[in-house]
Every structure is written in C-alpha cells, then in structure tokens.
Amino acid sequence: MQDGSRLPLAVTTLLVMVAALVVALLVLRWHDIPVVSPSEETEIAYHTVPSEDPSYWTEDRMRSAKPAPMPTEP
C-alpha cells in the first residue's frame, strides 16, 4: 500500500510540470524576438514586384530596369 503523504507530492509535482509547460508555450507563442537575426552575410533583399499592367512597362522603364542581384553562396 502507498503512503498517503506521497499522493499530495505527486499531485503537486504534476501541477508544477503542467504550469511550467503552459508558461513555456505562452512565452514561445507571444515572444517577438527572431530566432536568428540577419547579418550582413545573410541579409535578404526584398524587391517589389512590378505591376502586371502592360502600361507599366514603358520604354524608359524597360531601359532603366535592373535585374535582381544573384544570391551569393555562404
């Protein structure tokens, strides 16, 4: 037979573990710090996509358009 004093300890331990899990999940869900911060070597450049409207591509715009930079190998 089990000692009656062990049951409250087991229940308390279980409640503490559940509370720690809930806190960890809340922190992970609402934490706003990125896992990896971008550096100069890994910085990603975002480009705006030109309009699909054919009138957007005038002759001047086509001449001044520059291709996106090629990605560099790490």
PDB file of N, CA and C in Angstrom:
ATOM      1  N   MET A   1       0.826  -1.184   0.000  1.00  0.00           N
ATOM      2  CA  MET A   1       0.000   0.000   0.000  1.00  0.00           C
ATOM      3  C   MET A   1       0.873   1.251   0.000  1.00  0.00           C
ATOM      4  N   GLN A   2       0.402   2.257  -0.677  1.00  0.00           N
ATOM      5  CA  GLN A   2       1.164   3.501  -0.732  1.00  0.00           C
ATOM      6  C   GLN A   2       0.883   4.348   0.504  1.00  0.00           C
ATOM      7  N   ASP A   3       1.897   5.108   0.843  1.00  0.00           N
ATOM      8  CA  ASP A   3       1.760   6.049   1.942  1.00  0.00           C
ATOM      9  C   ASP A   3       0.891   7.209   1.464  1.00  0.00           C
ATOM     10  N   GLY A   4      -0.060   7.642   2.253  1.00  0.00           N
ATOM     11  CA  GLY A   4      -0.960   8.723   1.882  1.00  0.00           C
ATOM     12  C   GLY A   4      -0.263  10.051   1.673  1.00  0.00           C
ATOM     13  N   SER A   5       0.922  10.245   2.252  1.00  0.00           N
ATOM     14  CA  SER A   5       1.619  11.524   2.120  1.00  0.00           C
ATOM     15  C   SER A   5       2.261  11.683   0.748  1.00  0.00           C
ATOM     16  N   ARG A   6       2.415  10.596   0.015  1.00  0.00           N
ATOM     17  CA  ARG A   6       3.036  10.687  -1.313  1.00  0.00           C
ATOM     18  C   ARG A   6       2.065  11.212  -2.365  1.00  0.00           C
ATOM     19  N   LEU A   7       0.810  10.998  -2.200  1.00  0.00           N
ATOM     20  CA  LEU A   7      -0.166  11.449  -3.183  1.00  0.00           C
ATOM     21  C   LEU A   7      -0.156  12.970  -3.349  1.00  0.00           C
ATOM     22  N   PRO A   8      -0.192  13.746  -2.281  1.00  0.00           N
ATOM     23  CA  PRO A   8      -0.143  15.197  -2.488  1.00  0.00           C
ATOM     24  C   PRO A   8       1.156  15.651  -3.163  1.00  0.00           C
ATOM     25  N   LEU A   9       2.280  14.996  -2.882  1.00  0.00           N
ATOM     26  CA  LEU A   9       3.540  15.354  -3.521  1.00  0.00           C
ATOM     27  C   LEU A   9       3.475  15.067  -5.020  1.00  0.00           C
ATOM     28  N   ALA A  10       2.894  13.946  -5.396  1.00  0.00           N
ATOM     29  CA  ALA A  10       2.770  13.599  -6.812  1.00  0.00           C
ATOM     30  C   ALA A  10       1.844  14.582  -7.527  1.00  0.00           C
ATOM     31  N   VAL A  11       0.742  14.922  -6.882  1.00  0.00           N
ATOM     32  CA  VAL A  11      -0.201  15.866  -7.484  1.00  0.00           C
ATOM     33  C   VAL A  11       0.453  17.239  -7.616  1.00  0.00           C
ATOM     34  N   THR A  12       1.174  17.673  -6.590  1.00  0.00           N
ATOM     35  CA  THR A  12       1.864  18.962  -6.641  1.00  0.00           C
ATOM     36  C   THR A  12       2.906  18.971  -7.748  1.00  0.00           C
ATOM     37  N   THR A  13       3.670  17.891  -7.871  1.00  0.00           N
ATOM     38  CA  THR A  13       4.681  17.791  -8.922  1.00  0.00           C
ATOM     39  C   THR A  13       4.033  17.862 -10.297  1.00  0.00           C
ATOM     40  N   LEU A  14       2.940  17.162 -10.475  1.00  0.00           N
ATOM     41  CA  LEU A  14       2.231  17.176 -11.754  1.00  0.00           C
ATOM     42  C   LEU A  14       1.705  18.575 -12.076  1.00  0.00           C
ATOM     43  N   LEU A  15       1.134  19.249 -11.080  1.00  0.00           N
ATOM     44  CA  LEU A  15       0.621  20.599 -11.308  1.00  0.00           C
ATOM     45  C   LEU A  15       1.742  21.579 -11.647  1.00  0.00           C
ATOM     46  N   VAL A  16       2.892  21.442 -11.009  1.00  0.00           N
ATOM     47  CA  VAL A  16       4.025  22.312 -11.304  1.00  0.00           C
ATOM     48  C   VAL A  16       4.513  22.069 -12.726  1.00  0.00           C
ATOM     49  N   MET A  17       4.565  20.811 -13.151  1.00  0.00           N
ATOM     50  CA  MET A  17       5.009  20.495 -14.509  1.00  0.00           C
ATOM     51  C   MET A  17       4.033  21.049 -15.545  1.00  0.00           C
ATOM     52  N   VAL A  18       2.741  20.935 -15.289  1.00  0.00           N
ATOM     53  CA  VAL A  18       1.734  21.460 -16.217  1.00  0.00           C
ATOM     54  C   VAL A  18       1.833  22.985 -16.282  1.00  0.00           C
ATOM     55  N   ALA A  19       2.007  23.631 -15.132  1.00  0.00           N
ATOM     56  CA  ALA A  19       2.133  25.090 -15.113  1.00  0.00           C
ATOM     57  C   ALA A  19       3.376  25.538 -15.881  1.00  0.00           C
ATOM     58  N   ALA A  20       4.491  24.824 -15.724  1.00  0.00           N
ATOM     59  CA  ALA A  20       5.717  25.170 -16.447  1.00  0.00           C
ATOM     60  C   ALA A  20       5.518  25.005 -17.948  1.00  0.00           C
ATOM     61  N   LEU A  21       4.809  23.964 -18.358  1.00  0.00           N
ATOM     62  CA  LEU A  21       4.535  23.749 -19.775  1.00  0.00           C
ATOM     63  C   LEU A  21       3.662  24.869 -20.340  1.00  0.00           C
ATOM     64  N   VAL A  22       2.648  25.273 -19.597  1.00  0.00           N
ATOM     65  CA  VAL A  22       1.768  26.352 -20.049  1.00  0.00           C
ATOM     66  C   VAL A  22       2.552  27.653 -20.191  1.00  0.00           C
ATOM     67  N   VAL A  23       3.394  27.966 -19.218  1.00  0.00           N
ATOM     68  CA  VAL A  23       4.198  29.189 -19.289  1.00  0.00           C
ATOM     69  C   VAL A  23       5.144  29.130 -20.484  1.00  0.00           C
ATOM     70  N   ALA A  24       5.782  27.988 -20.705  1.00  0.00           N
ATOM     71  CA  ALA A  24       6.705  27.853 -21.838  1.00  0.00           C
ATOM     72  C   ALA A  24       5.972  28.043 -23.161  1.00  0.00           C
ATOM     73  N   LEU A  25       4.787  27.471 -23.289  1.00  0.00           N
ATOM     74  CA  LEU A  25       4.019  27.631 -24.525  1.00  0.00           C
ATOM     75  C   LEU A  25       3.582  29.078 -24.735  1.00  0.00           C
ATOM     76  N   LEU A  26       3.198  29.752 -23.658  1.00  0.00           N
ATOM     77  CA  LEU A  26       2.810  31.156 -23.783  1.00  0.00           C
ATOM     78  C   LEU A  26       3.995  32.020 -24.194  1.00  0.00           C
ATOM     79  N   VAL A  27       5.153  31.756 -23.627  1.00  0.00           N
ATOM     80  CA  VAL A  27       6.348  32.526 -23.976  1.00  0.00           C
ATOM     81  C   VAL A  27       6.709  32.288 -25.434  1.00  0.00           C
ATOM     82  N   LEU A  28       6.671  31.045 -25.889  1.00  0.00           N
ATOM     83  CA  LEU A  28       7.005  30.746 -27.280  1.00  0.00           C
ATOM     84  C   LEU A  28       5.995  31.357 -28.242  1.00  0.00           C
ATOM     85  N   ARG A  29       4.742  31.391 -27.836  1.00  0.00           N
ATOM     86  CA  ARG A  29       3.706  31.888 -28.737  1.00  0.00           C
ATOM     87  C   ARG A  29       3.783  33.399 -28.919  1.00  0.00           C
ATOM     88  N   TRP A  30       4.039  34.129 -27.845  1.00  0.00           N
ATOM     89  CA  TRP A  30       3.982  35.582 -27.930  1.00  0.00           C
ATOM     90  C   TRP A  30       5.347  36.254 -27.895  1.00  0.00           C
ATOM     91  N   HIS A  31       6.401  35.509 -27.907  1.00  0.00           N
ATOM     92  CA  HIS A  31       7.730  36.109 -27.876  1.00  0.00           C
ATOM     93  C   HIS A  31       8.040  36.677 -29.249  1.00  0.00           C
ATOM     94  N   ASP A  32       8.550  37.892 -29.317  1.00  0.00           N
ATOM     95  CA  ASP A  32       8.692  38.580 -30.597  1.00  0.00           C
ATOM     96  C   ASP A  32      10.132  38.700 -31.075  1.00  0.00           C
ATOM     97  N   ILE A  33      11.066  38.037 -30.425  1.00  0.00           N
ATOM     98  CA  ILE A  33      12.466  38.120 -30.829  1.00  0.00           C
ATOM     99  C   ILE A  33      12.734  37.036 -31.870  1.00  0.00           C
ATOM    100  N   PRO A  34      13.332  37.377 -33.023  1.00  0.00           N
ATOM    101  CA  PRO A  34      13.610  36.353 -34.035  1.00  0.00           C
ATOM    102  C   PRO A  34      14.642  35.353 -33.540  1.00  0.00           C
ATOM    103  N   VAL A  35      14.517  34.126 -34.006  1.00  0.00           N
ATOM    104  CA  VAL A  35      15.448  33.076 -33.603  1.00  0.00           C
ATOM    105  C   VAL A  35      16.841  33.385 -34.127  1.00  0.00           C
ATOM    106  N   VAL A  36      16.936  33.807 -35.363  1.00  0.00           N
ATOM    107  CA  VAL A  36      18.223  34.154 -35.965  1.00  0.00           C
ATOM    108  C   VAL A  36      18.113  35.576 -36.492  1.00  0.00           C
ATOM    109  N   SER A  37      18.978  36.438 -36.029  1.00  0.00           N
ATOM    110  CA  SER A  37      18.936  37.811 -36.531  1.00  0.00           C
ATOM    111  C   SER A  37      19.745  37.892 -37.821  1.00  0.00           C
ATOM    112  N   PRO A  38      19.261  38.657 -38.805  1.00  0.00           N
ATOM    113  CA  PRO A  38      20.006  38.747 -40.062  1.00  0.00           C
ATOM    114  C   PRO A  38      21.326  39.491 -39.872  1.00  0.00           C
ATOM    115  N   SER A  39      22.337  39.035 -40.547  1.00  0.00           N
ATOM    116  CA  SER A  39      23.626  39.715 -40.510  1.00  0.00           C
ATOM    117  C   SER A  39      23.947  40.188 -41.921  1.00  0.00           C
ATOM    118  N   GLU A  40      25.069  40.843 -42.068  1.00  0.00           N
ATOM    119  CA  GLU A  40      25.432  41.351 -43.393  1.00  0.00           C
ATOM    120  C   GLU A  40      25.603  40.214 -44.393  1.00  0.00           C
ATOM    121  N   GLU A  41      26.108  39.072 -43.937  1.00  0.00           N
ATOM    122  CA  GLU A  41      26.344  37.953 -44.852  1.00  0.00           C
ATOM    123  C   GLU A  41      25.046  37.262 -45.261  1.00  0.00           C
ATOM    124  N   THR A  42      24.056  37.245 -44.375  1.00  0.00           N
ATOM    125  CA  THR A  42      22.830  36.501 -44.654  1.00  0.00           C
ATOM    126  C   THR A  42      21.632  37.409 -44.892  1.00  0.00           C
ATOM    127  N   GLU A  43      21.861  38.692 -45.062  1.00  0.00           N
ATOM    128  CA  GLU A  43      20.750  39.616 -45.232  1.00  0.00           C
ATOM    129  C   GLU A  43      20.002  39.306 -46.525  1.00  0.00           C
ATOM    130  N   ILE A  44      18.695  39.331 -46.450  1.00  0.00           N
ATOM    131  CA  ILE A  44      17.852  39.026 -47.601  1.00  0.00           C
ATOM    132  C   ILE A  44      17.309  40.339 -48.156  1.00  0.00           C
ATOM    133  N   ALA A  45      17.429  40.523 -49.444  1.00  0.00           N
ATOM    134  CA  ALA A  45      16.906  41.729 -50.084  1.00  0.00           C
ATOM    135  C   ALA A  45      15.543  41.411 -50.684  1.00  0.00           C
ATOM    136  N   TYR A  46      14.583  42.251 -50.384  1.00  0.00           N
ATOM    137  CA  TYR A  46      13.246  42.069 -50.932  1.00  0.00           C
ATOM    138  C   TYR A  46      13.034  43.088 -52.048  1.00  0.00           C
ATOM    139  N   HIS A  47      12.454  42.645 -53.130  1.00  0.00           N
ATOM    140  CA  HIS A  47      12.214  43.508 -54.273  1.00  0.00           C
ATOM    141  C   HIS A  47      10.716  43.621 -54.496  1.00  0.00           C
ATOM    142  N   THR A  48      10.292  44.797 -54.900  1.00  0.00           N
ATOM    143  CA  THR A  48       8.879  44.955 -55.213  1.00  0.00           C
ATOM    144  C   THR A  48       8.611  44.354 -56.585  1.00  0.00           C
ATOM    145  N   VAL A  49       7.487  43.728 -56.707  1.00  0.00           N
ATOM    146  CA  VAL A  49       7.112  43.102 -57.972  1.00  0.00           C
ATOM    147  C   VAL A  49       6.438  44.160 -58.834  1.00  0.00           C
ATOM    148  N   PRO A  50       6.900  44.328 -60.070  1.00  0.00           N
ATOM    149  CA  PRO A  50       6.277  45.328 -60.946  1.00  0.00           C
ATOM    150  C   PRO A  50       4.813  44.987 -61.223  1.00  0.00           C
ATOM    151  N   SER A  51       4.100  45.996 -61.576  1.00  0.00           N
ATOM    152  CA  SER A  51       2.685  45.834 -61.883  1.00  0.00           C
ATOM    153  C   SER A  51       2.498  44.907 -63.084  1.00  0.00           C
ATOM    154  N   GLU A  52       1.404  44.155 -63.062  1.00  0.00           N
ATOM    155  CA  GLU A  52       1.095  43.280 -64.205  1.00  0.00           C
ATOM    156  C   GLU A  52       0.422  44.061 -65.327  1.00  0.00           C
ATOM    157  N   ASP A  53       0.133  45.304 -65.085  1.00  0.00           N
ATOM    158  CA  ASP A  53      -0.489  46.154 -66.092  1.00  0.00           C
ATOM    159  C   ASP A  53       0.518  46.411 -67.214  1.00  0.00           C
ATOM    160  N   PRO A  54       0.198  46.085 -68.462  1.00  0.00           N
ATOM    161  CA  PRO A  54       1.142  46.280 -69.567  1.00  0.00           C
ATOM    162  C   PRO A  54       1.579  47.736 -69.733  1.00  0.00           C
ATOM    163  N   SER A  55       0.756  48.687 -69.338  1.00  0.00           N
ATOM    164  CA  SER A  55       1.138  50.090 -69.485  1.00  0.00           C
ATOM    165  C   SER A  55       2.228  50.493 -68.487  1.00  0.00           C
ATOM    166  N   TYR A  56       2.502  49.664 -67.503  1.00  0.00           N
ATOM    167  CA  TYR A  56       3.575  49.941 -66.539  1.00  0.00           C
ATOM    168  C   TYR A  56       4.930  49.921 -67.228  1.00  0.00           C
ATOM    169  N   TRP A  57       5.108  48.999 -68.169  1.00  0.00           N
ATOM    170  CA  TRP A  57       6.414  48.828 -68.818  1.00  0.00           C
ATOM    171  C   TRP A  57       6.561  49.758 -70.015  1.00  0.00           C
ATOM    172  N   THR A  58       6.837  51.009 -69.721  1.00  0.00           N
ATOM    173  CA  THR A  58       7.128  51.966 -70.789  1.00  0.00           C
ATOM    174  C   THR A  58       8.548  51.709 -71.284  1.00  0.00           C
ATOM    175  N   GLU A  59       8.915  52.301 -72.419  1.00  0.00           N
ATOM    176  CA  GLU A  59      10.273  52.106 -72.955  1.00  0.00           C
ATOM    177  C   GLU A  59      11.330  52.602 -71.976  1.00  0.00           C
ATOM    178  N   ASP A  60      11.088  53.742 -71.352  1.00  0.00           N
ATOM    179  CA  ASP A  60      12.059  54.272 -70.382  1.00  0.00           C
ATOM    180  C   ASP A  60      12.209  53.338 -69.181  1.00  0.00           C
ATOM    181  N   ARG A  61      11.105  52.812 -68.708  1.00  0.00           N
ATOM    182  CA  ARG A  61      11.150  51.922 -67.556  1.00  0.00           C
ATOM    183  C   ARG A  61      11.874  50.621 -67.909  1.00  0.00           C
ATOM    184  N   MET A  62      11.656  50.132 -69.118  1.00  0.00           N
ATOM    185  CA  MET A  62      12.334  48.900 -69.536  1.00  0.00           C
ATOM    186  C   MET A  62      13.839  49.120 -69.648  1.00  0.00           C
ATOM    187  N   ARG A  63      14.259  50.296 -70.128  1.00  0.00           N
ATOM    188  CA  ARG A  63      15.688  50.593 -70.237  1.00  0.00           C
ATOM    189  C   ARG A  63      16.341  50.726 -68.866  1.00  0.00           C
ATOM    190  N   SER A  64      15.623  51.307 -67.909  1.00  0.00           N
ATOM    191  CA  SER A  64      16.218  51.551 -66.593  1.00  0.00           C
ATOM    192  C   SER A  64      16.057  50.364 -65.634  1.00  0.00           C
ATOM    193  N   ALA A  65      15.327  49.342 -66.045  1.00  0.00           N
ATOM    194  CA  ALA A  65      15.120  48.189 -65.159  1.00  0.00           C
ATOM    195  C   ALA A  65      16.435  47.452 -64.933  1.00  0.00           C
ATOM    196  N   LYS A  66      16.651  47.046 -63.680  1.00  0.00           N
ATOM    197  CA  LYS A  66      17.872  46.315 -63.339  1.00  0.00           C
ATOM    198  C   LYS A  66      17.474  44.926 -62.852  1.00  0.00           C
ATOM    199  N   PRO A  67      18.231  43.917 -63.209  1.00  0.00           N
ATOM    200  CA  PRO A  67      17.901  42.577 -62.715  1.00  0.00           C
ATOM    201  C   PRO A  67      18.182  42.475 -61.218  1.00  0.00           C
ATOM    202  N   ALA A  68      17.507  41.559 -60.575  1.00  0.00           N
ATOM    203  CA  ALA A  68      17.742  41.316 -59.149  1.00  0.00           C
ATOM    204  C   ALA A  68      19.142  40.747 -58.967  1.00  0.00           C
ATOM    205  N   PRO A  69      19.814  41.085 -57.874  1.00  0.00           N
ATOM    206  CA  PRO A  69      21.160  40.550 -57.659  1.00  0.00           C
ATOM    207  C   PRO A  69      21.129  39.041 -57.464  1.00  0.00           C
ATOM    208  N   MET A  70      22.165  38.383 -57.934  1.00  0.00           N
ATOM    209  CA  MET A  70      22.270  36.935 -57.780  1.00  0.00           C
ATOM    210  C   MET A  70      22.616  36.607 -56.332  1.00  0.00           C
ATOM    211  N   PRO A  71      22.045  35.546 -55.795  1.00  0.00           N
ATOM    212  CA  PRO A  71      22.387  35.175 -54.418  1.00  0.00           C
ATOM    213  C   PRO A  71      23.842  34.714 -54.334  1.00  0.00           C
ATOM    214  N   THR A  72      24.465  35.012 -53.229  1.00  0.00           N
ATOM    215  CA  THR A  72      25.858  34.599 -53.024  1.00  0.00           C
ATOM    216  C   THR A  72      25.894  33.343 -52.177  1.00  0.00           C
ATOM    217  N   GLU A  73      26.838  32.502 -52.452  1.00  0.00           N
ATOM    218  CA  GLU A  73      26.995  31.267 -51.681  1.00  0.00           C
ATOM    219  C   GLU A  73      27.613  31.597 -50.328  1.00  0.00           C
ATOM    220  N   PRO A  74      27.160  30.930 -49.269  1.00  0.00           N
ATOM    221  CA  PRO A  74      27.732  31.201 -47.937  1.00  0.00           C
ATOM    222  C   PRO A  74      29.150  30.715 -47.792  1.00  0.00           C
TER     223      PRO A  74
END
